[in-house]
C-alpha atoms as a PDB file:
ATOM      1  CA  MET A   1     194.505  14.031 182.781  1.00  0.00           C
ATOM      2  CA  TYR A   2     194.347  10.297 182.036  1.00  0.00           C
ATOM      3  CA  TYR A   3     197.384   8.024 181.720  1.00  0.00           C
ATOM      4  CA  LYS A   4     196.395   4.939 179.774  1.00  0.00           C
ATOM      5  CA  SER A   5     199.591   3.004 180.567  1.00  0.00           C
ATOM      6  CA  VAL A   6     198.754   2.897 184.294  1.00  0.00           C
ATOM      7  CA  ASN A   7     194.961   3.284 184.003  1.00  0.00           C
ATOM      8  CA  ARG A   8     194.850   6.357 186.205  1.00  0.00           C
ATOM      9  CA  GLY A   9     193.314   9.775 185.795  1.00  0.00           C
ATOM     10  CA  LEU A  10     193.594  12.899 187.898  1.00  0.00           C
ATOM     11  CA  TYR A  11     191.551  16.064 188.250  1.00  0.00           C
ATOM     12  CA  PHE A  12     191.998  18.968 190.595  1.00  0.00           C
ATOM     13  CA  THR A  13     188.728  19.819 192.310  1.00  0.00           C
ATOM     14  CA  ARG A  14     187.728  23.455 192.777  1.00  0.00           C
ATOM     15  CA  ALA A  15     189.170  23.324 196.316  1.00  0.00           C
ATOM     16  CA  GLY A  16     192.314  21.704 194.918  1.00  0.00           C
ATOM     17  CA  THR A  17     192.681  24.409 192.279  1.00  0.00           C
ATOM     18  CA  TYR A  18     192.406  27.138 194.914  1.00  0.00           C
ATOM     19  CA  ALA A  19     194.842  25.280 197.173  1.00  0.00           C
ATOM     20  CA  THR A  20     197.382  24.977 194.360  1.00  0.00           C
ATOM     21  CA  ALA A  21     197.017  28.673 193.507  1.00  0.00           C
ATOM     22  CA  PHE A  22     197.474  29.521 197.185  1.00  0.00           C
ATOM     23  CA  VAL A  23     200.676  27.429 197.327  1.00  0.00           C
ATOM     24  CA  LEU A  24     202.078  29.199 194.250  1.00  0.00           C
ATOM     25  CA  VAL A  25     201.342  32.618 195.736  1.00  0.00           C
ATOM     26  CA  LEU A  26     202.780  31.535 199.085  1.00  0.00           C
ATOM     27  CA  GLY A  27     205.938  30.281 197.379  1.00  0.00           C
ATOM     28  CA  LEU A  28     206.343  33.541 195.473  1.00  0.00           C
ATOM     29  CA  LEU A  29     205.951  35.555 198.691  1.00  0.00           C
ATOM     30  CA  ALA A  30     208.454  33.331 200.516  1.00  0.00           C
ATOM     31  CA  ILE A  31     211.047  33.786 197.767  1.00  0.00           C
ATOM     32  CA  THR A  32     210.600  37.549 197.428  1.00  0.00           C
ATOM     33  CA  SER A  33     210.353  38.331 201.159  1.00  0.00           C
ATOM     34  CA  GLY A  34     212.773  35.779 202.604  1.00  0.00           C
ATOM     35  CA  VAL A  35     210.538  35.250 205.665  1.00  0.00           C
ATOM     36  CA  ASN A  36     211.294  31.796 207.101  1.00  0.00           C
ATOM     37  CA  ALA A  37     207.787  31.321 208.473  1.00  0.00           C
ATOM     38  CA  LEU A  38     206.395  31.475 204.926  1.00  0.00           C
ATOM     39  CA  TYR A  39     208.647  28.570 203.950  1.00  0.00           C
ATOM     40  CA  LEU A  40     207.194  26.553 206.829  1.00  0.00           C
ATOM     41  CA  TYR A  41     203.654  27.340 205.664  1.00  0.00           C
ATOM     42  CA  LEU A  42     204.649  26.484 202.085  1.00  0.00           C
ATOM     43  CA  SER A  43     206.070  23.089 203.052  1.00  0.00           C
ATOM     44  CA  PHE A  44     202.953  22.323 205.121  1.00  0.00           C
ATOM     45  CA  ALA A  45     200.621  23.236 202.231  1.00  0.00           C
ATOM     46  CA  LEU A  46     202.639  21.149 199.744  1.00  0.00           C
ATOM     47  CA  SER A  47     202.617  18.176 202.115  1.00  0.00           C
ATOM     48  CA  ILE A  48     198.810  18.362 202.345  1.00  0.00           C
ATOM     49  CA  ILE A  49     198.485  18.240 198.533  1.00  0.00           C
ATOM     50  CA  ILE A  50     201.005  15.389 198.238  1.00  0.00           C
ATOM     51  CA  LEU A  51     199.320  13.444 201.068  1.00  0.00           C
ATOM     52  CA  SER A  52     195.951  13.900 199.366  1.00  0.00           C
ATOM     53  CA  GLY A  53     197.345  12.364 196.180  1.00  0.00           C
ATOM     54  CA  VAL A  54     198.988   9.427 198.014  1.00  0.00           C
ATOM     55  CA  LEU A  55     195.887   8.536 200.044  1.00  0.00           C
ATOM     56  CA  SER A  56     193.548   8.853 197.060  1.00  0.00           C
ATOM     57  CA  GLU A  57     195.823   6.495 195.093  1.00  0.00           C
ATOM     58  CA  ARG A  58     195.673   3.941 197.894  1.00  0.00           C
ATOM     59  CA  ASN A  59     191.891   4.361 197.983  1.00  0.00           C
ATOM     60  CA  ILE A  60     191.417   3.723 194.261  1.00  0.00           C
ATOM     61  CA  LYS A  61     194.081   1.030 193.887  1.00  0.00           C
ATOM     62  CA  TYR A  62     192.434  -1.654 196.006  1.00  0.00           C
ATOM     63  CA  ILE A  63     188.772  -1.273 195.044  1.00  0.00           C
ATOM     64  CA  TYR A  64     187.272  -3.777 192.581  1.00  0.00           C
ATOM     65  CA  VAL A  65     183.768  -4.422 191.283  1.00  0.00           C
ATOM     66  CA  ASP A  66     183.633  -8.221 191.065  1.00  0.00           C
ATOM     67  CA  GLU A  67     180.039  -8.850 190.049  1.00  0.00           C
ATOM     68  CA  ILE A  68     176.854  -7.074 188.995  1.00  0.00           C
ATOM     69  CA  ASP A  69     173.459  -8.753 189.270  1.00  0.00           C
ATOM     70  CA  SER A  70     171.581  -9.816 186.148  1.00  0.00           C
ATOM     71  CA  LEU A  71     168.427  -7.859 185.498  1.00  0.00           C
ATOM     72  CA  ILE A  72     165.518  -7.524 183.047  1.00  0.00           C
ATOM     73  CA  VAL A  73     163.893  -4.078 183.007  1.00  0.00           C
ATOM     74  CA  ASP A  74     161.742  -1.863 180.785  1.00  0.00           C
ATOM     75  CA  SER A  75     163.373   0.923 178.819  1.00  0.00           C
ATOM     76  CA  GLY A  76     163.060   4.383 180.294  1.00  0.00           C
ATOM     77  CA  LYS A  77     162.123   3.140 183.778  1.00  0.00           C
ATOM     78  CA  SER A  78     164.194   3.722 186.903  1.00  0.00           C
ATOM     79  CA  PHE A  79     165.752   0.663 188.505  1.00  0.00           C
ATOM     80  CA  GLU A  80     168.410  -0.449 190.972  1.00  0.00           C
ATOM     81  CA  LEU A  81     171.353  -2.817 190.523  1.00  0.00           C
ATOM     82  CA  ILE A  82     173.254  -4.694 193.208  1.00  0.00           C
ATOM     83  CA  ALA A  83     177.027  -4.713 192.707  1.00  0.00           C
ATOM     84  CA  LYS A  84     179.530  -6.731 194.729  1.00  0.00           C
ATOM     85  CA  VAL A  85     182.470  -4.470 195.573  1.00  0.00           C
ATOM     86  CA  ARG A  86     185.708  -5.843 197.063  1.00  0.00           C
ATOM     87  CA  ASN A  87     188.444  -4.167 199.062  1.00  0.00           C
ATOM     88  CA  ALA A  88     191.593  -6.101 198.107  1.00  0.00           C
ATOM     89  CA  SER A  89     193.785  -4.440 200.746  1.00  0.00           C
ATOM     90  CA  ALA A  90     194.730  -6.473 203.803  1.00  0.00           C
ATOM     91  CA  ASN A  91     195.442  -3.370 205.900  1.00  0.00           C
ATOM     92  CA  TYR A  92     193.459  -0.339 204.770  1.00  0.00           C
ATOM     93  CA  THR A  93     189.821   0.619 205.062  1.00  0.00           C
ATOM     94  CA  LEU A  94     188.637   2.450 201.942  1.00  0.00           C
ATOM     95  CA  TYR A  95     186.334   5.472 202.031  1.00  0.00           C
ATOM     96  CA  GLY A  96     184.259   7.629 199.709  1.00  0.00           C
ATOM     97  CA  ILE A  97     184.471   5.884 196.326  1.00  0.00           C
ATOM     98  CA  GLU A  98     181.988   6.670 193.564  1.00  0.00           C
ATOM     99  CA  ILE A  99     181.207   4.280 190.703  1.00  0.00           C
ATOM    100  CA  ASP A 100     179.798   5.389 187.352  1.00  0.00           C
ATOM    101  CA  ILE A 101     178.641   2.972 184.649  1.00  0.00           C
ATOM    102  CA  ALA A 102     178.083   3.554 180.936  1.00  0.00           C
ATOM    103  CA  GLU A 103     176.983   1.328 178.042  1.00  0.00           C
ATOM    104  CA  SER A 104     180.116   1.787 175.929  1.00  0.00           C
ATOM    105  CA  LYS A 105     183.813   2.501 176.316  1.00  0.00           C
ATOM    106  CA  GLU A 106     183.458   5.747 174.384  1.00  0.00           C
ATOM    107  CA  LYS A 107     180.725   7.024 176.711  1.00  0.00           C
ATOM    108  CA  ILE A 108     182.567   6.199 179.924  1.00  0.00           C
ATOM    109  CA  MET A 109     185.764   7.820 178.619  1.00  0.00           C
ATOM    110  CA  ALA A 110     183.798  10.927 177.609  1.00  0.00           C
ATOM    111  CA  LEU A 111     182.500  11.559 181.144  1.00  0.00           C
ATOM    112  CA  LYS A 112     183.892  14.748 182.620  1.00  0.00           C
ATOM    113  CA  LYS A 113     184.820  15.156 186.276  1.00  0.00           C
ATOM    114  CA  ASN A 114     181.372  16.330 187.389  1.00  0.00           C
ATOM    115  CA  ASP A 115     179.415  14.016 185.079  1.00  0.00           C
ATOM    116  CA  PHE A 116     177.552  10.939 186.280  1.00  0.00           C
ATOM    117  CA  GLY A 117     177.244   7.653 184.418  1.00  0.00           C
ATOM    118  CA  ILE A 118     173.869   6.305 183.371  1.00  0.00           C
ATOM    119  CA  ILE A 119     174.155   4.061 186.469  1.00  0.00           C
ATOM    120  CA  ASN A 120     175.924   5.255 189.604  1.00  0.00           C
ATOM    121  CA  GLY A 121     176.520   4.367 193.237  1.00  0.00           C
ATOM    122  CA  VAL A 122     178.661   5.342 196.241  1.00  0.00           C
ATOM    123  CA  ILE A 123     180.789   3.247 198.586  1.00  0.00           C
ATOM    124  CA  LYS A 124     181.001   5.076 201.909  1.00  0.00           C
ATOM    125  CA  ARG A 125     183.260   2.602 203.730  1.00  0.00           C
ATOM    126  CA  THR A 126     184.728  -0.823 202.983  1.00  0.00           C
ATOM    127  CA  PRO A 127     186.846  -2.690 205.590  1.00  0.00           C
ATOM    128  CA  PRO A 128     189.988  -4.640 204.586  1.00  0.00           C
ATOM    129  CA  ILE A 129     189.502  -7.928 202.679  1.00  0.00           C
ATOM    130  CA  MET A 130     185.766  -7.402 202.589  1.00  0.00           C
ATOM    131  CA  THR A 131     183.188  -7.788 199.822  1.00  0.00           C
ATOM    132  CA  SER A 132     180.135  -5.559 200.169  1.00  0.00           C
ATOM    133  CA  ASP A 133     176.868  -5.179 198.271  1.00  0.00           C
ATOM    134  CA  ILE A 134     176.110  -1.656 197.124  1.00  0.00           C
ATOM    135  CA  VAL A 135     172.937  -0.388 195.514  1.00  0.00           C
ATOM    136  CA  MET A 136     173.482   1.385 192.187  1.00  0.00           C
ATOM    137  CA  LYS A 137     170.698   3.519 190.751  1.00  0.00           C
ATOM    138  CA  CYS A 138     169.664   4.242 187.176  1.00  0.00           C
ATOM    139  CA  ASN A 139     167.013   6.653 185.902  1.00  0.00           C
ATOM    140  CA  GLY A 140     166.391   4.568 182.782  1.00  0.00           C
ATOM    141  CA  MET A 141     168.258   3.028 179.848  1.00  0.00           C
ATOM    142  CA  LYS A 142     167.626   2.549 176.170  1.00  0.00           C
ATOM    143  CA  ARG A 143     166.391  -0.791 174.883  1.00  0.00           C
ATOM    144  CA  GLY A 144     169.168  -3.306 174.363  1.00  0.00           C
ATOM    145  CA  ASN A 145     170.780  -6.582 175.401  1.00  0.00           C
ATOM    146  CA  TYR A 146     173.833  -5.382 177.310  1.00  0.00           C
ATOM    147  CA  LYS A 147     176.471  -8.076 177.743  1.00  0.00           C
ATOM    148  CA  LYS A 148     179.305  -5.789 178.790  1.00  0.00           C
ATOM    149  CA  ILE A 149     179.357  -2.506 180.682  1.00  0.00           C
ATOM    150  CA  TYR A 150     182.120  -0.012 181.462  1.00  0.00           C
ATOM    151  CA  LEU A 151     182.906   1.463 184.868  1.00  0.00           C
ATOM    152  CA  ARG A 152     184.710   4.482 186.257  1.00  0.00           C
ATOM    153  CA  GLN A 153     185.765   4.298 189.911  1.00  0.00           C
ATOM    154  CA  LYS A 154     186.739   7.646 191.385  1.00  0.00           C
ATOM    155  CA  THR A 155     187.540   9.135 194.787  1.00  0.00           C
ATOM    156  CA  LYS A 156     188.173  12.547 196.338  1.00  0.00           C
ATOM    157  CA  PHE A 157     189.308  11.087 199.660  1.00  0.00           C
ATOM    158  CA  PRO A 158     190.629  12.436 201.997  1.00  0.00           C
ATOM    159  CA  PHE A 159     190.687  16.229 201.566  1.00  0.00           C
ATOM    160  CA  ARG A 160     188.664  16.644 198.329  1.00  0.00           C
ATOM    161  CA  LEU A 161     191.591  18.428 196.705  1.00  0.00           C
ATOM    162  CA  VAL A 162     192.215  15.929 193.916  1.00  0.00           C
ATOM    163  CA  GLU A 163     189.969  13.386 192.237  1.00  0.00           C
ATOM    164  CA  LYS A 164     191.600  10.157 191.098  1.00  0.00           C
ATOM    165  CA  TYR A 165     189.889   7.613 188.880  1.00  0.00           C
ATOM    166  CA  LYS A 166     190.383   4.413 186.920  1.00  0.00           C
ATOM    167  CA  TYR A 167     188.388   2.459 184.330  1.00  0.00           C
ATOM    168  CA  SER A 168     187.314  -1.171 184.161  1.00  0.00           C
ATOM    169  CA  GLU A 169     184.788  -3.354 182.363  1.00  0.00           C
ATOM    170  CA  ARG A 170     182.517  -6.191 183.428  1.00  0.00           C
ATOM    171  CA  ILE A 171     180.555  -8.949 181.716  1.00  0.00           C
ATOM    172  CA  VAL A 172     176.876  -8.627 182.663  1.00  0.00           C
ATOM    173  CA  SER A 173     173.422  -9.766 181.655  1.00  0.00           C
ATOM    174  CA  LEU A 174     171.362  -6.589 181.548  1.00  0.00           C
ATOM    175  CA  ILE A 175     168.335  -6.844 179.283  1.00  0.00           C
ATOM    176  CA  VAL A 176     166.357  -3.669 178.646  1.00  0.00           C
ATOM    177  CA  LEU A 177     163.039  -4.411 176.939  1.00  0.00           C
ATOM    178  CA  PRO A 178     160.813  -2.089 174.939  1.00  0.00           C
ATOM    179  CA  ALA A 179     158.457  -0.247 177.279  1.00  0.00           C
ATOM    180  CA  ILE A 180     154.810  -1.276 177.606  1.00  0.00           C
ATOM    181  CA  ASP A 181     152.529   0.771 175.337  1.00  0.00           C
ATOM    182  CA  GLN A 182     149.764   1.755 177.768  1.00  0.00           C
ATOM    183  CA  SER A 183     147.300   2.814 175.062  1.00  0.00           C
ATOM    184  CA  LEU A 184     147.562  -0.554 173.285  1.00  0.00           C
ATOM    185  CA  TYR A 185     147.410  -2.341 176.635  1.00  0.00           C
ATOM    186  CA  GLN A 186     144.045  -0.742 177.383  1.00  0.00           C
ATOM    187  CA  GLU A 187     142.757  -1.658 173.910  1.00  0.00           C
ATOM    188  CA  LEU A 188     143.791  -5.315 174.107  1.00  0.00           C
ATOM    189  CA  GLU A 189     142.916  -5.992 177.747  1.00  0.00           C
ATOM    190  CA  PRO A 190     139.137  -6.601 177.278  1.00  0.00           C
ATOM    191  CA  GLU A 191     139.728  -8.902 174.303  1.00  0.00           C
ATOM    192  CA  PHE A 192     142.261 -11.047 176.118  1.00  0.00           C
ATOM    193  CA  LYS A 193     140.168 -11.197 179.286  1.00  0.00           C
ATOM    194  CA  ALA A 194     137.377 -12.643 177.155  1.00  0.00           C
ATOM    195  CA  LYS A 195     139.762 -15.159 175.566  1.00  0.00           C
ATOM    196  CA  ILE A 196     140.991 -16.309 178.978  1.00  0.00           C
ATOM    197  CA  TYR A 197     137.411 -16.640 180.255  1.00  0.00           C
ATOM    198  CA  ASN A 198     136.329 -18.677 177.208  1.00  0.00           C
ATOM    199  CA  ARG A 199     139.405 -20.888 177.525  1.00  0.00           C
ATOM    200  CA  ASP A 200     138.652 -21.609 181.179  1.00  0.00           C
ATOM    201  CA  GLN A 201     135.019 -22.436 180.375  1.00  0.00           C
ATOM    202  CA  ASP A 202     136.114 -24.807 177.626  1.00  0.00           C
ATOM    203  CA  LYS A 203     138.110 -27.122 179.899  1.00  0.00           C
ATOM    204  CA  GLU A 204     137.373 -30.859 179.790  1.00  0.00           C
ATOM    205  CA  PHE A 205     138.503 -33.767 181.947  1.00  0.00           C
ATOM    206  CA  TYR A 206     141.299 -35.895 180.509  1.00  0.00           C
ATOM    207  CA  CYS A 207     143.049 -37.859 183.297  1.00  0.00           C
ATOM    208  CA  HIS A 208     143.680 -38.488 186.988  1.00  0.00           C
ATOM    209  CA  ASN A 209     146.876 -37.619 188.851  1.00  0.00           C
ATOM    210  CA  PRO A 210     147.998 -38.742 192.328  1.00  0.00           C
ATOM    211  CA  TYR A 211     147.035 -36.338 195.110  1.00  0.00           C
ATOM    212  CA  HIS A 212     149.726 -34.495 197.064  1.00  0.00           C
ATOM    213  CA  SER A 213     149.500 -31.965 199.885  1.00  0.00           C
ATOM    214  CA  ARG A 214     150.118 -28.924 197.667  1.00  0.00           C
ATOM    215  CA  VAL A 215     146.972 -29.610 195.608  1.00  0.00           C
ATOM    216  CA  SER A 216     143.648 -28.128 196.679  1.00  0.00           C
ATOM    217  CA  LYS A 217     141.224 -30.715 198.077  1.00  0.00           C
ATOM    218  CA  LYS A 218     138.553 -29.232 195.798  1.00  0.00           C
ATOM    219  CA  LYS A 219     140.219 -31.022 192.886  1.00  0.00           C
ATOM    220  CA  ILE A 220     140.012 -34.484 194.486  1.00  0.00           C
ATOM    221  CA  ASP A 221     137.786 -36.989 192.674  1.00  0.00           C
ATOM    222  CA  TRP A 222     135.909 -38.330 195.698  1.00  0.00           C
ATOM    223  CA  LYS A 223     134.157 -41.062 193.696  1.00  0.00           C
ATOM    224  CA  LYS A 224     137.565 -42.597 193.053  1.00  0.00           C
ATOM    225  CA  SER A 225     139.139 -41.645 196.389  1.00  0.00           C
ATOM    226  CA  ALA A 226     136.432 -42.326 198.981  1.00  0.00           C
ATOM    227  CA  ASN A 227     137.215 -45.031 201.552  1.00  0.00           C
ATOM    228  CA  ARG A 228     140.825 -45.175 200.369  1.00  0.00           C
ATOM    229  CA  PRO A 229     144.038 -44.163 202.142  1.00  0.00           C
ATOM    230  CA  VAL A 230     145.391 -40.694 201.361  1.00  0.00           C
ATOM    231  CA  SER A 231     148.238 -42.212 199.336  1.00  0.00           C
ATOM    232  CA  ASP A 232     145.621 -43.572 196.887  1.00  0.00           C
ATOM    233  CA  TRP A 233     143.661 -40.363 196.435  1.00  0.00           C
ATOM    234  CA  VAL A 234     143.508 -38.925 192.911  1.00  0.00           C
ATOM    235  CA  VAL A 235     142.745 -35.480 191.503  1.00  0.00           C
ATOM    236  CA  LYS A 236     141.061 -34.574 188.255  1.00  0.00           C
ATOM    237  CA  GLN A 237     143.104 -32.927 185.530  1.00  0.00           C
ATOM    238  CA  TYR A 238     141.455 -30.702 182.950  1.00  0.00           C
ATOM    239  CA  ARG A 239     142.700 -29.164 179.744  1.00  0.00           C
ATOM    240  CA  SER A 240     141.389 -26.833 177.103  1.00  0.00           C
ATOM    241  CA  GLN A 241     141.750 -27.072 173.363  1.00  0.00           C
ATOM    242  CA  ALA A 242     143.434 -23.647 173.604  1.00  0.00           C
ATOM    243  CA  ASN A 243     146.408 -25.350 175.251  1.00  0.00           C
ATOM    244  CA  PHE A 244     147.233 -26.903 171.882  1.00  0.00           C
ATOM    245  CA  GLU A 245     146.880 -23.689 169.898  1.00  0.00           C
ATOM    246  CA  LYS A 246     149.863 -21.605 168.844  1.00  0.00           C
ATOM    247  CA  PHE A 247     149.641 -17.825 168.968  1.00  0.00           C
ATOM    248  CA  ALA A 248     151.992 -15.262 167.480  1.00  0.00           C
ATOM    249  CA  VAL A 249     152.440 -11.533 167.022  1.00  0.00           C
ATOM    250  CA  GLN A 250     153.403 -10.161 163.626  1.00  0.00           C
ATOM    251  CA  PHE A 251     154.912  -6.792 162.776  1.00  0.00           C
ATOM    252  CA  SER A 252     155.641  -5.303 159.392  1.00  0.00           C
ATOM    253  CA  VAL A 253     159.320  -5.061 158.472  1.00  0.00           C
ATOM    254  CA  ILE A 254     158.369  -2.482 155.829  1.00  0.00           C
ATOM    255  CA  ASP A 255     156.818  -0.301 158.534  1.00  0.00           C
ATOM    256  CA  ILE A 256     159.894  -0.753 160.727  1.00  0.00           C
ATOM    257  CA  ILE A 257     162.267   0.379 157.985  1.00  0.00           C
ATOM    258  CA  ALA A 258     159.971   3.259 157.013  1.00  0.00           C
ATOM    259  CA  CYS A 259     159.953   4.768 160.530  1.00  0.00           C
ATOM    260  CA  GLU A 260     160.901   8.445 160.282  1.00  0.00           C
ATOM    261  CA  SER A 261     162.234   8.829 163.820  1.00  0.00           C
ATOM    262  CA  GLU A 262     163.695   6.816 166.663  1.00  0.00           C
ATOM    263  CA  GLU A 263     160.641   7.609 168.776  1.00  0.00           C
ATOM    264  CA  ILE A 264     158.260   6.021 166.230  1.00  0.00           C
ATOM    265  CA  TYR A 265     160.593   3.039 165.788  1.00  0.00           C
ATOM    266  CA  GLU A 266     160.755   2.310 169.518  1.00  0.00           C
ATOM    267  CA  LEU A 267     156.989   2.860 169.849  1.00  0.00           C
ATOM    268  CA  LEU A 268     156.351   0.149 167.262  1.00  0.00           C
ATOM    269  CA  LEU A 269     158.600  -2.262 169.174  1.00  0.00           C
ATOM    270  CA  SER A 270     156.764  -1.303 172.376  1.00  0.00           C
ATOM    271  CA  ARG A 271     153.483  -2.287 170.739  1.00  0.00           C
ATOM    272  CA  VAL A 272     154.953  -5.657 169.784  1.00  0.00           C
ATOM    273  CA  ARG A 273     156.208  -6.248 173.323  1.00  0.00           C
ATOM    274  CA  THR A 274     152.803  -5.276 174.773  1.00  0.00           C
ATOM    275  CA  ALA A 275     150.979  -7.768 172.543  1.00  0.00           C
ATOM    276  CA  ILE A 276     153.479 -10.506 173.457  1.00  0.00           C
ATOM    277  CA  GLY A 277     152.749  -9.871 177.128  1.00  0.00           C
ATOM    278  CA  PHE A 278     149.080 -10.682 176.561  1.00  0.00           C
ATOM    279  CA  LEU A 279     149.875 -13.841 174.587  1.00  0.00           C
ATOM    280  CA  THR A 280     151.995 -15.071 177.492  1.00  0.00           C
ATOM    281  CA  ILE A 281     148.908 -14.996 179.732  1.00  0.00           C
ATOM    282  CA  LEU A 282     147.209 -17.545 177.461  1.00  0.00           C
ATOM    283  CA  LYS A 283     149.808 -20.179 178.504  1.00  0.00           C
ATOM    284  CA  SER A 284     150.057 -21.491 174.956  1.00  0.00           C
ATOM    285  CA  LYS A 285     152.911 -21.781 172.493  1.00  0.00           C
ATOM    286  CA  ILE A 286     153.788 -18.240 171.376  1.00  0.00           C
ATOM    287  CA  GLY A 287     155.968 -16.823 168.638  1.00  0.00           C
ATOM    288  CA  ILE A 288     156.827 -13.645 166.783  1.00  0.00           C
ATOM    289  CA  PHE A 289     156.843 -13.005 163.032  1.00  0.00           C
ATOM    290  CA  ALA A 290     159.046 -10.361 161.435  1.00  0.00           C
ATOM    291  CA  GLY A 291     157.087  -9.910 158.245  1.00  0.00           C
ATOM    292  CA  GLU A 292     156.453 -13.454 156.974  1.00  0.00           C
ATOM    293  CA  ASN A 293     159.411 -14.949 158.861  1.00  0.00           C
ATOM    294  CA  LEU A 294     159.076 -16.651 162.229  1.00  0.00           C
ATOM    295  CA  ALA A 295     161.796 -14.943 164.273  1.00  0.00           C
ATOM    296  CA  ALA A 296     161.498 -16.466 167.750  1.00  0.00           C
ATOM    297  CA  VAL A 297     159.423 -18.936 169.753  1.00  0.00           C
ATOM    298  CA  GLY A 298     158.796 -18.892 173.494  1.00  0.00           C
ATOM    299  CA  SER A 299     158.422 -15.838 175.715  1.00  0.00           C
ATOM    300  CA  GLU A 300     162.067 -15.807 176.858  1.00  0.00           C
ATOM    301  CA  ASN A 301     163.446 -16.046 173.308  1.00  0.00           C
ATOM    302  CA  ILE A 302     161.010 -13.392 172.090  1.00  0.00           C
ATOM    303  CA  LEU A 303     162.005 -10.898 174.791  1.00  0.00           C
ATOM    304  CA  LEU A 304     165.693 -11.479 174.044  1.00  0.00           C
ATOM    305  CA  TYR A 305     164.940 -11.002 170.340  1.00  0.00           C
ATOM    306  CA  LEU A 306     163.150  -7.682 170.950  1.00  0.00           C
ATOM    307  CA  ALA A 307     165.881  -6.387 173.258  1.00  0.00           C
ATOM    308  CA  ALA A 308     168.605  -7.262 170.749  1.00  0.00           C
ATOM    309  CA  LEU A 309     166.959  -5.670 167.686  1.00  0.00           C
ATOM    310  CA  PRO A 310     169.134  -2.981 166.074  1.00  0.00           C
ATOM    311  CA  GLU A 311     169.158   0.681 166.943  1.00  0.00           C
ATOM    312  CA  PHE A 312     167.121   3.055 164.795  1.00  0.00           C
ATOM    313  CA  ASN A 313     170.063   4.130 162.616  1.00  0.00           C
ATOM    314  CA  LYS A 314     171.027   0.490 161.886  1.00  0.00           C
ATOM    315  CA  ARG A 315     167.590  -0.897 161.068  1.00  0.00           C
ATOM    316  CA  LYS A 316     168.013  -0.774 157.283  1.00  0.00           C
ATOM    317  CA  GLU A 317     171.180  -2.890 157.305  1.00  0.00           C
ATOM    318  CA  PHE A 318     169.723  -5.509 159.661  1.00  0.00           C
ATOM    319  CA  ASN A 319     168.810  -8.906 158.186  1.00  0.00           C
ATOM    320  CA  TRP A 320     165.180  -9.120 159.287  1.00  0.00           C
ATOM    321  CA  ALA A 321     164.667 -12.413 157.444  1.00  0.00           C
ATOM    322  CA  GLU A 322     167.269 -14.225 159.552  1.00  0.00           C
ATOM    323  CA  SER A 323     165.927 -16.140 162.536  1.00  0.00           C
ATOM    324  CA  ASN A 324     167.674 -16.143 165.902  1.00  0.00           C
ATOM    325  CA  ILE A 325     166.582 -19.682 166.887  1.00  0.00           C
ATOM    326  CA  ASN A 326     166.561 -23.231 165.564  1.00  0.00           C
ATOM    327  CA  PHE A 327     163.044 -24.547 165.029  1.00  0.00           C
ATOM    328  CA  ASN A 328     161.923 -28.059 165.873  1.00  0.00           C
ATOM    329  CA  ASP A 329     159.108 -29.917 164.171  1.00  0.00           C
ATOM    330  CA  TYR A 330     156.466 -28.369 166.416  1.00  0.00           C
ATOM    331  CA  ASP A 331     157.600 -24.815 165.747  1.00  0.00           C
ATOM    332  CA  ASN A 332     156.392 -24.711 162.172  1.00  0.00           C
ATOM    333  CA  PRO A 333     157.681 -21.457 160.651  1.00  0.00           C
ATOM    334  CA  LYS A 334     154.709 -21.154 158.269  1.00  0.00           C
ATOM    335  CA  ARG A 335     152.287 -18.463 159.371  1.00  0.00           C
ATOM    336  CA  SER A 336     149.265 -20.602 158.443  1.00  0.00           C
ATOM    337  CA  HIS A 337     150.077 -22.899 161.386  1.00  0.00           C
ATOM    338  CA  TRP A 338     149.698 -20.069 163.905  1.00  0.00           C
ATOM    339  CA  LYS A 339     146.947 -17.757 165.112  1.00  0.00           C
ATOM    340  CA  VAL A 340     148.596 -14.439 164.353  1.00  0.00           C
ATOM    341  CA  LEU A 341     147.815 -11.008 165.792  1.00  0.00           C
ATOM    342  CA  HIS A 342     149.063  -8.138 163.616  1.00  0.00           C
ATOM    343  CA  VAL A 343     150.064  -5.237 165.851  1.00  0.00           C
ATOM    344  CA  ASN A 344     149.247  -2.560 163.266  1.00  0.00           C
ATOM    345  CA  ASN A 345     145.525  -3.249 163.020  1.00  0.00           C
ATOM    346  CA  HIS A 346     144.928  -5.707 165.941  1.00  0.00           C
ATOM    347  CA  GLN A 347     143.464  -8.254 163.501  1.00  0.00           C
ATOM    348  CA  TRP A 348     143.834 -12.020 163.919  1.00  0.00           C
ATOM    349  CA  PHE A 349     144.832 -14.140 160.931  1.00  0.00           C
END
């Protein structure tokens, strides 16, 4: 039973159901037999049930989840979240509160009494006017950029006869990226190792910088620094032509729309994310093309773009030609200005 006007729900546990049935039978026996002792037992049993409800209400009333840590994780992988939980009561210590989290209001409201949320945690004890960190565990979430999550706080304290609960919502920054495609990773790894090696071999000197203690002494130009005080020492700076190159990953919007299942759709996005991971290692300007359109530039923007792409059943309505960033003069949206890796055939263009 859930009462929206007061944001409270109530279930009888199995023990509570048996206890209520026992009270009804006890009451019937007391009425039919007229034995005074049965009335005493009846009043005691009723007081236990009422006390259970009162204490559980106090337990759930004062508990609040104030903050949940931001996190970036891969889809389908287990992870842990840290939540800051506050006991707002000045007098009471709270015990045995469970917290379930779901991605949407509909999913959290659909949880039954023995169901767990996609993320869950337990508060064993919280002293008065105290904020505590609790570890919440998740066995994996679907790809997405989650900006709001929904919580159910519930308790069976003290006698596990009734379970009271309430709902709340919190603003979060929980980014779930497409998973790494291990097969593509193994295919691309040798190629990118060779690119990194060639880039490092291609470095040339271009300037001197002042020496400071965090720089390795191997980089000091001793011809310029010998017989000088440490404050006048200089180190050589090198750069490679690859530092000025711009790399991008391209995927086919036609292939995305033509995906026959959610599994294939998410696999394609996983391949894109895997290729982007390798481009990041090159320490050059990187971008992503959706078809012929430059969709995002920079590793952070690209990961946000991938996380926020539509679900499988909404892919056809999505405007794939619309960019999610504003380009500056350097971020030329024409593909001819970029070295582009197509994820379908691993060819550079």
